[in-house]
């Protein structure tokens, strides 16, 4: 109920937020997420998991997204 009461007045703000181009919105959202991750544990090590996980081709999330660092014919 509280979520509904808070979201109804903010509908206009959310609509205007969607009009921001993704090239500006994505870095802002990423930066806020990294600040939140760092503020929870005060450890820079925790920032490597969301930032470095997809870069490793053997990582589970990379297999799920089918990310490869080599062309598919060379496997």
PDB file of N, CA and C in Angstrom:
ATOM      1  N   UNK A   1       0.824  -1.190   0.000  1.00  0.00           N
ATOM      2  CA  UNK A   1       0.000   0.000   0.000  1.00  0.00           C
ATOM      3  C   UNK A   1       0.868   1.254   0.000  1.00  0.00           C
ATOM      4  N   UNK A   2       1.917   1.245   0.811  1.00  0.00           N
ATOM      5  CA  UNK A   2       2.792   2.409   0.882  1.00  0.00           C
ATOM      6  C   UNK A   2       3.491   2.651  -0.451  1.00  0.00           C
ATOM      7  N   UNK A   3       3.873   1.578  -1.124  1.00  0.00           N
ATOM      8  CA  UNK A   3       4.520   1.708  -2.424  1.00  0.00           C
ATOM      9  C   UNK A   3       3.579   2.352  -3.433  1.00  0.00           C
ATOM     10  N   UNK A   4       2.331   1.987  -3.416  1.00  0.00           N
ATOM     11  CA  UNK A   4       1.348   2.576  -4.316  1.00  0.00           C
ATOM     12  C   UNK A   4       1.164   4.057  -4.022  1.00  0.00           C
ATOM     13  N   UNK A   5       1.094   4.411  -2.763  1.00  0.00           N
ATOM     14  CA  UNK A   5       0.916   5.811  -2.374  1.00  0.00           C
ATOM     15  C   UNK A   5       2.121   6.648  -2.800  1.00  0.00           C
ATOM     16  N   UNK A   6       3.313   6.093  -2.712  1.00  0.00           N
ATOM     17  CA  UNK A   6       4.506   6.842  -3.100  1.00  0.00           C
ATOM     18  C   UNK A   6       4.693   6.908  -4.613  1.00  0.00           C
ATOM     19  N   UNK A   7       4.272   5.883  -5.336  1.00  0.00           N
ATOM     20  CA  UNK A   7       4.509   5.839  -6.774  1.00  0.00           C
ATOM     21  C   UNK A   7       3.520   6.655  -7.588  1.00  0.00           C
ATOM     22  N   UNK A   8       2.308   6.819  -7.136  1.00  0.00           N
ATOM     23  CA  UNK A   8       1.322   7.569  -7.914  1.00  0.00           C
ATOM     24  C   UNK A   8       1.779   9.011  -8.161  1.00  0.00           C
ATOM     25  N   UNK A   9       2.267   9.754  -7.173  1.00  0.00           N
ATOM     26  CA  UNK A   9       2.730  11.116  -7.473  1.00  0.00           C
ATOM     27  C   UNK A   9       4.009  11.155  -8.319  1.00  0.00           C
ATOM     28  N   UNK A  10       4.770  10.070  -8.353  1.00  0.00           N
ATOM     29  CA  UNK A  10       6.039  10.064  -9.079  1.00  0.00           C
ATOM     30  C   UNK A  10       5.927   9.537 -10.505  1.00  0.00           C
ATOM     31  N   UNK A  11       4.728   9.264 -10.989  1.00  0.00           N
ATOM     32  CA  UNK A  11       4.562   8.733 -12.342  1.00  0.00           C
ATOM     33  C   UNK A  11       5.110   9.712 -13.369  1.00  0.00           C
ATOM     34  N   UNK A  12       4.836  10.980 -13.221  1.00  0.00           N
ATOM     35  CA  UNK A  12       5.350  11.987 -14.161  1.00  0.00           C
ATOM     36  C   UNK A  12       6.865  12.035 -14.177  1.00  0.00           C
ATOM     37  N   UNK A  13       7.477  11.899 -13.016  1.00  0.00           N
ATOM     38  CA  UNK A  13       8.943  11.888 -12.945  1.00  0.00           C
ATOM     39  C   UNK A  13       9.512  10.677 -13.671  1.00  0.00           C
ATOM     40  N   UNK A  14       8.899   9.511 -13.484  1.00  0.00           N
ATOM     41  CA  UNK A  14       9.384   8.299 -14.148  1.00  0.00           C
ATOM     42  C   UNK A  14       9.227   8.392 -15.661  1.00  0.00           C
ATOM     43  N   UNK A  15       8.164   9.013 -16.129  1.00  0.00           N
ATOM     44  CA  UNK A  15       7.966   9.190 -17.569  1.00  0.00           C
ATOM     45  C   UNK A  15       9.035  10.115 -18.133  1.00  0.00           C
ATOM     46  N   UNK A  16       9.329  11.209 -17.433  1.00  0.00           N
ATOM     47  CA  UNK A  16      10.391  12.114 -17.896  1.00  0.00           C
ATOM     48  C   UNK A  16      11.756  11.451 -17.821  1.00  0.00           C
ATOM     49  N   UNK A  17      11.964  10.586 -16.860  1.00  0.00           N
ATOM     50  CA  UNK A  17      13.228   9.871 -16.735  1.00  0.00           C
ATOM     51  C   UNK A  17      13.450   8.941 -17.924  1.00  0.00           C
ATOM     52  N   UNK A  18      12.395   8.375 -18.460  1.00  0.00           N
ATOM     53  CA  UNK A  18      12.516   7.502 -19.626  1.00  0.00           C
ATOM     54  C   UNK A  18      12.854   8.267 -20.902  1.00  0.00           C
ATOM     55  N   UNK A  19      12.644   9.572 -20.907  1.00  0.00           N
ATOM     56  CA  UNK A  19      12.978  10.357 -22.098  1.00  0.00           C
ATOM     57  C   UNK A  19      14.464  10.706 -22.159  1.00  0.00           C
ATOM     58  N   UNK A  20      15.205  10.434 -21.097  1.00  0.00           N
ATOM     59  CA  UNK A  20      16.653  10.669 -21.094  1.00  0.00           C
ATOM     60  C   UNK A  20      17.310   9.610 -21.976  1.00  0.00           C
ATOM     61  N   UNK A  21      18.202  10.014 -22.885  1.00  0.00           N
ATOM     62  CA  UNK A  21      18.857   9.028 -23.753  1.00  0.00           C
ATOM     63  C   UNK A  21      19.663   8.006 -22.940  1.00  0.00           C
ATOM     64  N   UNK A  22      19.645   6.747 -23.363  1.00  0.00           N
ATOM     65  CA  UNK A  22      20.357   5.694 -22.623  1.00  0.00           C
ATOM     66  C   UNK A  22      21.856   5.951 -22.491  1.00  0.00           C
ATOM     67  N   UNK A  23      22.447   6.682 -23.429  1.00  0.00           N
ATOM     68  CA  UNK A  23      23.887   6.939 -23.332  1.00  0.00           C
ATOM     69  C   UNK A  23      24.222   7.825 -22.128  1.00  0.00           C
ATOM     70  N   UNK A  24      23.245   8.572 -21.612  1.00  0.00           N
ATOM     71  CA  UNK A  24      23.451   9.362 -20.399  1.00  0.00           C
ATOM     72  C   UNK A  24      22.942   8.626 -19.166  1.00  0.00           C
ATOM     73  N   UNK A  25      21.876   7.878 -19.332  1.00  0.00           N
ATOM     74  CA  UNK A  25      21.241   7.219 -18.196  1.00  0.00           C
ATOM     75  C   UNK A  25      22.040   6.018 -17.689  1.00  0.00           C
ATOM     76  N   UNK A  26      22.611   5.231 -18.589  1.00  0.00           N
ATOM     77  CA  UNK A  26      23.349   4.027 -18.197  1.00  0.00           C
ATOM     78  C   UNK A  26      24.562   4.330 -17.312  1.00  0.00           C
ATOM     79  N   UNK A  27      25.419   5.316 -17.644  1.00  0.00           N
ATOM     80  CA  UNK A  27      26.542   5.598 -16.734  1.00  0.00           C
ATOM     81  C   UNK A  27      26.096   6.097 -15.361  1.00  0.00           C
ATOM     82  N   UNK A  28      25.005   6.841 -15.320  1.00  0.00           N
ATOM     83  CA  UNK A  28      24.516   7.340 -14.032  1.00  0.00           C
ATOM     84  C   UNK A  28      24.005   6.182 -13.173  1.00  0.00           C
ATOM     85  N   UNK A  29      23.228   5.293 -13.774  1.00  0.00           N
ATOM     86  CA  UNK A  29      22.706   4.139 -13.030  1.00  0.00           C
ATOM     87  C   UNK A  29      23.847   3.238 -12.575  1.00  0.00           C
ATOM     88  N   UNK A  30      24.835   3.031 -13.455  1.00  0.00           N
ATOM     89  CA  UNK A  30      25.985   2.198 -13.099  1.00  0.00           C
ATOM     90  C   UNK A  30      26.770   2.813 -11.948  1.00  0.00           C
ATOM     91  N   UNK A  31      26.986   4.121 -11.995  1.00  0.00           N
ATOM     92  CA  UNK A  31      27.737   4.788 -10.936  1.00  0.00           C
ATOM     93  C   UNK A  31      26.993   4.707  -9.596  1.00  0.00           C
ATOM     94  N   UNK A  32      25.689   4.901  -9.624  1.00  0.00           N
ATOM     95  CA  UNK A  32      24.903   4.805  -8.389  1.00  0.00           C
ATOM     96  C   UNK A  32      24.947   3.378  -7.839  1.00  0.00           C
ATOM     97  N   UNK A  33      24.906   2.383  -8.725  1.00  0.00           N
ATOM     98  CA  UNK A  33      24.987   0.989  -8.276  1.00  0.00           C
ATOM     99  C   UNK A  33      26.342   0.693  -7.640  1.00  0.00           C
ATOM    100  N   UNK A  34      27.423   1.171  -8.256  1.00  0.00           N
ATOM    101  CA  UNK A  34      28.754   0.938  -7.691  1.00  0.00           C
ATOM    102  C   UNK A  34      28.938   1.663  -6.355  1.00  0.00           C
ATOM    103  N   UNK A  35      28.381   2.860  -6.227  1.00  0.00           N
ATOM    104  CA  UNK A  35      28.456   3.563  -4.941  1.00  0.00           C
ATOM    105  C   UNK A  35      27.692   2.778  -3.880  1.00  0.00           C
ATOM    106  N   UNK A  36      26.545   2.219  -4.241  1.00  0.00           N
ATOM    107  CA  UNK A  36      25.781   1.409  -3.293  1.00  0.00           C
ATOM    108  C   UNK A  36      26.508   0.146  -2.886  1.00  0.00           C
ATOM    109  N   UNK A  37      27.153  -0.510  -3.856  1.00  0.00           N
ATOM    110  CA  UNK A  37      27.919  -1.720  -3.550  1.00  0.00           C
ATOM    111  C   UNK A  37      29.065  -1.396  -2.604  1.00  0.00           C
ATOM    112  N   UNK A  38      29.770  -0.307  -2.882  1.00  0.00           N
ATOM    113  CA  UNK A  38      30.910   0.056  -2.044  1.00  0.00           C
ATOM    114  C   UNK A  38      30.456   0.495  -0.652  1.00  0.00           C
ATOM    115  N   UNK A  39      29.325   1.180  -0.568  1.00  0.00           N
ATOM    116  CA  UNK A  39      28.883   1.691   0.731  1.00  0.00           C
ATOM    117  C   UNK A  39      28.406   0.582   1.666  1.00  0.00           C
ATOM    118  N   UNK A  40      28.001  -0.555   1.130  1.00  0.00           N
ATOM    119  CA  UNK A  40      27.527  -1.643   1.988  1.00  0.00           C
ATOM    120  C   UNK A  40      28.674  -2.266   2.771  1.00  0.00           C
ATOM    121  N   UNK A  41      29.799  -2.557   2.090  1.00  0.00           N
ATOM    122  CA  UNK A  41      30.871  -3.280   2.773  1.00  0.00           C
ATOM    123  C   UNK A  41      32.187  -2.506   2.860  1.00  0.00           C
ATOM    124  N   UNK A  42      32.261  -1.334   2.258  1.00  0.00           N
ATOM    125  CA  UNK A  42      33.491  -0.528   2.247  1.00  0.00           C
ATOM    126  C   UNK A  42      34.684  -1.325   1.731  1.00  0.00           C
ATOM    127  N   UNK A  43      34.448  -2.134   0.715  1.00  0.00           N
ATOM    128  CA  UNK A  43      35.491  -2.965   0.150  1.00  0.00           C
ATOM    129  C   UNK A  43      35.492  -2.807  -1.368  1.00  0.00           C
ATOM    130  N   UNK A  44      36.637  -2.429  -1.911  1.00  0.00           N
ATOM    131  CA  UNK A  44      36.748  -2.292  -3.362  1.00  0.00           C
ATOM    132  C   UNK A  44      36.714  -3.652  -4.044  1.00  0.00           C
ATOM    133  N   UNK A  45      36.992  -4.711  -3.302  1.00  0.00           N
ATOM    134  CA  UNK A  45      36.959  -6.054  -3.870  1.00  0.00           C
ATOM    135  C   UNK A  45      35.563  -6.405  -4.389  1.00  0.00           C
ATOM    136  N   UNK A  46      34.527  -5.940  -3.718  1.00  0.00           N
ATOM    137  CA  UNK A  46      33.160  -6.235  -4.145  1.00  0.00           C
ATOM    138  C   UNK A  46      32.808  -5.577  -5.466  1.00  0.00           C
ATOM    139  N   UNK A  47      33.531  -4.559  -5.863  1.00  0.00           N
ATOM    140  CA  UNK A  47      33.258  -3.895  -7.139  1.00  0.00           C
ATOM    141  C   UNK A  47      33.729  -4.721  -8.323  1.00  0.00           C
ATOM    142  N   UNK A  48      34.620  -5.673  -8.102  1.00  0.00           N
ATOM    143  CA  UNK A  48      35.133  -6.480  -9.203  1.00  0.00           C
ATOM    144  C   UNK A  48      34.114  -7.505  -9.694  1.00  0.00           C
ATOM    145  N   UNK A  49      33.209  -7.939  -8.836  1.00  0.00           N
ATOM    146  CA  UNK A  49      32.240  -8.953  -9.260  1.00  0.00           C
ATOM    147  C   UNK A  49      31.286  -8.436 -10.332  1.00  0.00           C
ATOM    148  N   UNK A  50      30.577  -7.320 -10.121  1.00  0.00           N
ATOM    149  CA  UNK A  50      29.696  -6.867 -11.213  1.00  0.00           C
ATOM    150  C   UNK A  50      30.474  -6.288 -12.383  1.00  0.00           C
ATOM    151  N   UNK A  51      31.645  -5.747 -12.144  1.00  0.00           N
ATOM    152  CA  UNK A  51      32.418  -5.148 -13.225  1.00  0.00           C
ATOM    153  C   UNK A  51      33.246  -6.138 -14.008  1.00  0.00           C
ATOM    154  N   UNK A  52      33.776  -7.166 -13.360  1.00  0.00           N
ATOM    155  CA  UNK A  52      34.685  -8.073 -14.030  1.00  0.00           C
ATOM    156  C   UNK A  52      34.122  -9.421 -14.390  1.00  0.00           C
ATOM    157  N   UNK A  53      32.948  -9.755 -13.919  1.00  0.00           N
ATOM    158  CA  UNK A  53      32.380 -11.081 -14.174  1.00  0.00           C
ATOM    159  C   UNK A  53      32.173 -11.365 -15.662  1.00  0.00           C
ATOM    160  N   UNK A  54      31.532 -10.508 -16.449  1.00  0.00           N
ATOM    161  CA  UNK A  54      31.305 -10.859 -17.855  1.00  0.00           C
ATOM    162  C   UNK A  54      32.570 -10.865 -18.704  1.00  0.00           C
ATOM    163  N   UNK A  55      33.659 -10.316 -18.218  1.00  0.00           N
ATOM    164  CA  UNK A  55      34.890 -10.282 -19.008  1.00  0.00           C
ATOM    165  C   UNK A  55      35.559 -11.646 -19.073  1.00  0.00           C
ATOM    166  N   UNK A  56      35.235 -12.532 -18.157  1.00  0.00           N
ATOM    167  CA  UNK A  56      35.829 -13.871 -18.146  1.00  0.00           C
ATOM    168  C   UNK A  56      34.930 -14.815 -18.937  1.00  0.00           C
ATOM    169  N   UNK A  57      35.428 -15.420 -20.009  1.00  0.00           N
ATOM    170  CA  UNK A  57      34.559 -16.269 -20.829  1.00  0.00           C
ATOM    171  C   UNK A  57      34.092 -17.541 -20.135  1.00  0.00           C
ATOM    172  N   UNK A  58      34.787 -17.969 -19.089  1.00  0.00           N
ATOM    173  CA  UNK A  58      34.356 -19.187 -18.404  1.00  0.00           C
ATOM    174  C   UNK A  58      33.405 -18.891 -17.245  1.00  0.00           C
ATOM    175  N   UNK A  59      33.061 -17.626 -17.024  1.00  0.00           N
ATOM    176  CA  UNK A  59      32.154 -17.259 -15.945  1.00  0.00           C
ATOM    177  C   UNK A  59      30.734 -17.726 -16.276  1.00  0.00           C
ATOM    178  N   UNK A  60      29.953 -18.122 -15.275  1.00  0.00           N
ATOM    179  CA  UNK A  60      28.595 -18.618 -15.537  1.00  0.00           C
ATOM    180  C   UNK A  60      27.714 -17.598 -16.249  1.00  0.00           C
ATOM    181  N   UNK A  61      27.822 -16.323 -15.874  1.00  0.00           N
ATOM    182  CA  UNK A  61      26.982 -15.315 -16.527  1.00  0.00           C
ATOM    183  C   UNK A  61      27.394 -15.132 -17.982  1.00  0.00           C
ATOM    184  N   UNK A  62      28.679 -15.304 -18.288  1.00  0.00           N
ATOM    185  CA  UNK A  62      29.131 -15.176 -19.670  1.00  0.00           C
ATOM    186  C   UNK A  62      28.597 -16.327 -20.512  1.00  0.00           C
ATOM    187  N   UNK A  63      28.537 -17.523 -19.939  1.00  0.00           N
ATOM    188  CA  UNK A  63      27.967 -18.652 -20.676  1.00  0.00           C
ATOM    189  C   UNK A  63      26.473 -18.455 -20.890  1.00  0.00           C
ATOM    190  N   UNK A  64      25.812 -17.882 -19.898  1.00  0.00           N
ATOM    191  CA  UNK A  64      24.382 -17.644 -20.015  1.00  0.00           C
ATOM    192  C   UNK A  64      24.087 -16.624 -21.112  1.00  0.00           C
ATOM    193  N   UNK A  65      24.902 -15.589 -21.194  1.00  0.00           N
ATOM    194  CA  UNK A  65      24.706 -14.549 -22.204  1.00  0.00           C
ATOM    195  C   UNK A  65      25.385 -14.872 -23.519  1.00  0.00           C
ATOM    196  N   UNK A  66      26.081 -16.002 -23.592  1.00  0.00           N
ATOM    197  CA  UNK A  66      26.807 -16.447 -24.779  1.00  0.00           C
ATOM    198  C   UNK A  66      27.876 -15.425 -25.179  1.00  0.00           C
ATOM    199  N   UNK A  67      28.629 -14.935 -24.191  1.00  0.00           N
ATOM    200  CA  UNK A  67      29.720 -14.000 -24.454  1.00  0.00           C
ATOM    201  C   UNK A  67      30.987 -14.786 -24.736  1.00  0.00           C
ATOM    202  N   UNK A  68      31.678 -14.424 -25.790  1.00  0.00           N
ATOM    203  CA  UNK A  68      32.920 -15.108 -26.141  1.00  0.00           C
ATOM    204  C   UNK A  68      33.976 -14.073 -26.482  1.00  0.00           C
ATOM    205  N   UNK A  69      35.217 -14.386 -26.149  1.00  0.00           N
ATOM    206  CA  UNK A  69      36.314 -13.508 -26.531  1.00  0.00           C
ATOM    207  C   UNK A  69      36.949 -13.972 -27.823  1.00  0.00           C
ATOM    208  N   UNK A  70      36.651 -15.191 -28.265  1.00  0.00           N
ATOM    209  CA  UNK A  70      37.175 -15.735 -29.512  1.00  0.00           C
ATOM    210  C   UNK A  70      36.022 -15.912 -30.493  1.00  0.00           C
ATOM    211  N   UNK A  71      36.327 -15.921 -31.785  1.00  0.00           N
ATOM    212  CA  UNK A  71      35.269 -16.246 -32.748  1.00  0.00           C
ATOM    213  C   UNK A  71      34.749 -17.659 -32.499  1.00  0.00           C
ATOM    214  N   UNK A  72      33.502 -17.894 -32.788  1.00  0.00           N
ATOM    215  CA  UNK A  72      32.889 -19.182 -32.453  1.00  0.00           C
ATOM    216  C   UNK A  72      33.481 -20.346 -33.241  1.00  0.00           C
ATOM    217  N   UNK A  73      34.099 -20.111 -34.391  1.00  0.00           N
ATOM    218  CA  UNK A  73      34.667 -21.189 -35.178  1.00  0.00           C
ATOM    219  C   UNK A  73      35.986 -21.708 -34.651  1.00  0.00           C
ATOM    220  N   UNK A  74      36.654 -20.991 -33.743  1.00  0.00           N
ATOM    221  CA  UNK A  74      37.981 -21.389 -33.282  1.00  0.00           C
ATOM    222  C   UNK A  74      37.942 -22.261 -32.037  1.00  0.00           C
ATOM    223  N   UNK A  75      36.793 -22.660 -31.562  1.00  0.00           N
ATOM    224  CA  UNK A  75      36.706 -23.489 -30.354  1.00  0.00           C
ATOM    225  C   UNK A  75      36.929 -24.900 -30.644  1.00  0.00           C
TER     226      UNK A  75
END
